[in-house]
Amino acid sequence: MARSISQGHKAGVIAATGMAIGSFIYVIASAFGLAALFLYSTWAYTSVKLFGAAYLVYLATQYIRLAKPATEHTTELKGLNNKAIFKQSLVVELTNPKTALFFIAFLPLFVDPEHGNVRLQLIILGVIYAVIGLLCDLCVATLSGKIGAWMNTHPKSQQWQNRLSALLLFALGGFIVFDEIMMH
């Protein structure tokens, strides 16, 4: 959403695609048992979780830089290119260990060994999930692109949007860290 608002519909589609590819990677990892590492290794789960929180805080600082009022002596940060948008979205998805846990804990509930290859069933269910997620994200990107176009004609709204994005990312990062502290 934030990417569509700040850089337009196409950037939002690229971000959604990066997140979908991250989901597909988790689908394959889960089907082949690699994501089970998070289930059995508290250290691995915590490390990925805290890395993800740190990355969210980093992204929030980028929005703070964008939210400063423009003056003659400041320059606005350029939007990310398509490759950077894709990489950023992929990293965000892959540093979300809850996605991996979703594939481990939830999808197997719908698998029946009597109906064929379990790995294939997991892959099919995971792909269905990832495609549905992508379609939802594409709808959000489209709507957000329209909002962004309106915001481009109202410069103050863009400044407030960047502040709100920074606040939300800081809050998410802080929540992840707080949740981890409370768990121990």
Protein backbone atom coordinates (compact mmCIF):
# COMPACT_ATOMS: atom_id res chain seq x y z
CA MET A 1 0.00 0.00 0.00
CA ALA A 2 2.69 2.47 1.03
CA ARG A 3 4.70 1.73 -2.11
CA SER A 4 1.64 2.28 -4.35
CA ILE A 5 0.77 5.52 -2.64
CA SER A 6 4.31 6.87 -2.81
CA GLN A 7 5.35 5.59 -6.25
CA GLY A 8 2.19 4.60 -8.05
CA HIS A 9 0.27 1.50 -9.05
CA LYS A 10 3.15 -0.18 -10.90
CA ALA A 11 5.43 0.03 -7.84
CA GLY A 12 2.67 -1.53 -5.72
CA VAL A 13 2.29 -4.39 -8.19
CA ILE A 14 6.04 -5.02 -8.05
CA ALA A 15 5.94 -4.96 -4.22
CA ALA A 16 3.01 -7.39 -4.20
CA THR A 17 4.91 -9.66 -6.58
CA GLY A 18 7.96 -9.63 -4.29
CA MET A 19 5.80 -10.63 -1.35
CA ALA A 20 4.12 -13.36 -3.39
CA ILE A 21 7.49 -14.80 -4.43
CA GLY A 22 8.45 -14.80 -0.73
CA SER A 23 5.31 -16.79 -0.01
CA PHE A 24 6.13 -19.23 -2.81
CA ILE A 25 9.60 -19.71 -1.30
CA TYR A 26 7.99 -20.52 2.04
CA VAL A 27 5.59 -22.93 0.30
CA ILE A 28 8.51 -24.88 -1.16
CA ALA A 29 10.51 -24.69 2.08
CA SER A 30 7.54 -25.94 4.07
CA ALA A 31 6.76 -28.74 1.67
CA PHE A 32 10.33 -29.97 1.92
CA GLY A 33 10.47 -29.55 5.70
CA LEU A 34 13.03 -26.74 5.81
CA ALA A 35 10.69 -24.31 7.56
CA ALA A 36 10.25 -26.82 10.39
CA LEU A 37 13.51 -25.39 11.68
CA PHE A 38 11.49 -22.52 13.17
CA LEU A 39 9.32 -25.00 15.01
CA TYR A 40 12.25 -26.71 16.69
CA SER A 41 14.86 -23.95 16.93
CA THR A 42 13.92 -21.09 19.18
CA TRP A 43 17.19 -19.40 18.28
CA ALA A 44 16.48 -19.47 14.54
CA TYR A 45 12.92 -18.23 15.01
CA THR A 46 14.00 -15.43 17.34
CA SER A 47 16.88 -14.39 15.08
CA VAL A 48 14.69 -14.09 12.00
CA LYS A 49 11.98 -12.35 14.01
CA LEU A 50 14.39 -9.74 15.42
CA PHE A 51 16.04 -9.23 12.03
CA GLY A 52 12.58 -8.58 10.60
CA ALA A 53 11.85 -6.06 13.38
CA ALA A 54 15.14 -4.28 12.71
CA TYR A 55 14.35 -4.14 9.00
CA LEU A 56 10.93 -2.61 9.71
CA VAL A 57 12.59 0.05 11.88
CA TYR A 58 15.08 0.73 9.06
CA LEU A 59 12.19 1.18 6.61
CA ALA A 60 10.47 3.50 9.12
CA THR A 61 13.57 5.72 9.25
CA GLN A 62 13.42 5.99 5.46
CA TYR A 63 9.84 7.25 5.71
CA ILE A 64 10.85 9.74 8.40
CA ARG A 65 13.44 11.15 6.02
CA LEU A 66 10.71 11.52 3.40
CA ALA A 67 8.31 13.15 5.86
CA LYS A 68 10.52 16.17 6.59
CA PRO A 69 9.20 19.36 5.04
CA ALA A 70 11.09 20.23 1.86
CA THR A 71 13.27 23.33 1.95
CA GLU A 72 15.64 24.85 -0.54
CA HIS A 73 18.52 22.95 1.06
CA THR A 74 16.94 19.51 1.22
CA THR A 75 16.28 17.12 -1.57
CA GLU A 76 13.56 14.54 -1.59
CA LEU A 77 14.70 10.95 -1.63
CA LYS A 78 14.15 9.33 -4.98
CA GLY A 79 11.71 6.50 -5.20
CA LEU A 80 13.16 3.03 -5.41
CA ASN A 81 13.66 1.40 -8.77
CA ASN A 82 11.69 -1.74 -9.64
CA LYS A 83 14.49 -4.12 -8.67
CA ALA A 84 14.93 -2.46 -5.25
CA ILE A 85 11.17 -2.50 -4.62
CA PHE A 86 11.03 -6.20 -5.45
CA LYS A 87 14.03 -7.03 -3.22
CA GLN A 88 12.67 -4.98 -0.32
CA SER A 89 9.27 -6.70 -0.49
CA LEU A 90 10.88 -10.12 -0.77
CA VAL A 91 13.04 -9.44 2.31
CA VAL A 92 10.00 -8.23 4.28
CA GLU A 93 8.12 -11.44 3.46
CA LEU A 94 11.07 -13.76 4.10
CA THR A 95 11.89 -12.15 7.46
CA ASN A 96 8.39 -12.88 8.69
CA PRO A 97 8.75 -16.23 10.45
CA LYS A 98 5.03 -16.29 11.13
CA THR A 99 4.54 -16.91 7.43
CA ALA A 100 6.64 -20.05 7.70
CA LEU A 101 4.78 -21.12 10.83
CA PHE A 102 1.49 -20.59 9.00
CA PHE A 103 2.56 -23.07 6.35
CA ILE A 104 3.74 -25.55 8.99
CA ALA A 105 0.85 -25.27 11.44
CA PHE A 106 -2.17 -24.42 9.30
CA LEU A 107 -1.84 -25.99 5.87
CA PRO A 108 -1.19 -29.53 7.14
CA LEU A 109 -4.66 -29.46 8.70
CA PHE A 110 -6.05 -29.70 5.17
CA VAL A 111 -3.75 -32.47 3.96
CA ASP A 112 -4.92 -36.07 3.92
CA PRO A 113 -2.26 -38.75 3.28
CA GLU A 114 -4.99 -41.02 1.94
CA HIS A 115 -5.55 -38.62 -0.96
CA GLY A 116 -2.08 -38.84 -2.43
CA ASN A 117 1.34 -37.27 -2.11
CA VAL A 118 1.46 -35.08 1.01
CA ARG A 119 4.22 -32.85 -0.36
CA LEU A 120 2.22 -32.21 -3.53
CA GLN A 121 -0.91 -31.42 -1.50
CA LEU A 122 1.09 -28.91 0.59
CA ILE A 123 2.48 -27.27 -2.53
CA ILE A 124 -0.96 -26.99 -4.14
CA LEU A 125 -2.52 -25.52 -0.99
CA GLY A 126 0.42 -23.16 -0.53
CA VAL A 127 0.25 -21.96 -4.11
CA ILE A 128 -3.49 -21.34 -3.75
CA TYR A 129 -2.81 -19.30 -0.60
CA ALA A 130 -0.01 -17.31 -2.30
CA VAL A 131 -2.14 -16.59 -5.38
CA ILE A 132 -5.08 -15.42 -3.26
CA GLY A 133 -2.68 -13.21 -1.27
CA LEU A 134 -1.23 -11.81 -4.50
CA LEU A 135 -4.70 -11.04 -5.90
CA CYS A 136 -5.66 -9.23 -2.68
CA ASP A 137 -2.38 -7.28 -2.70
CA LEU A 138 -2.94 -6.33 -6.36
CA CYS A 139 -6.36 -4.91 -5.45
CA VAL A 140 -4.78 -2.93 -2.62
CA ALA A 141 -2.04 -1.70 -5.00
CA THR A 142 -4.62 -0.53 -7.53
CA LEU A 143 -6.72 1.35 -4.99
CA SER A 144 -3.65 2.76 -3.26
CA GLY A 145 -2.26 3.94 -6.59
CA LYS A 146 -5.42 6.00 -7.07
CA ILE A 147 -5.07 7.41 -3.56
CA GLY A 148 -1.42 8.21 -4.30
CA ALA A 149 -2.37 10.05 -7.48
CA TRP A 150 -4.75 12.21 -5.47
CA MET A 151 -2.11 12.77 -2.79
CA ASN A 152 0.38 13.96 -5.41
CA THR A 153 -1.91 16.92 -6.02
CA HIS A 154 -1.95 17.63 -2.27
CA PRO A 155 1.72 17.79 -1.09
CA LYS A 156 0.94 18.09 2.64
CA SER A 157 -1.05 14.84 2.55
CA GLN A 158 2.03 13.03 1.25
CA GLN A 159 4.09 14.34 4.15
CA TRP A 160 1.49 13.06 6.62
CA GLN A 161 1.28 9.72 4.82
CA ASN A 162 5.03 9.28 5.20
CA ARG A 163 4.77 10.12 8.89
CA LEU A 164 1.95 7.63 9.35
CA SER A 165 3.88 4.95 7.45
CA ALA A 166 6.93 5.56 9.67
CA LEU A 167 4.79 5.38 12.80
CA LEU A 168 3.16 2.12 11.72
CA LEU A 169 6.50 0.51 10.80
CA PHE A 170 8.07 1.61 14.10
CA ALA A 171 5.02 0.26 15.94
CA LEU A 172 5.21 -3.09 14.15
CA GLY A 173 8.95 -3.37 14.81
CA GLY A 174 8.45 -2.37 18.44
CA PHE A 175 5.59 -4.83 18.86
CA ILE A 176 7.74 -7.67 17.53
CA VAL A 177 10.56 -6.81 19.95
CA PHE A 178 8.14 -6.33 22.89
CA ASP A 179 6.43 -9.62 22.08
CA GLU A 180 9.80 -11.37 22.06
CA ILE A 181 10.78 -9.82 25.41
CA MET A 182 7.46 -10.82 26.97
CA MET A 183 7.86 -14.41 25.73
CA HIS A 184 11.05 -14.79 27.74
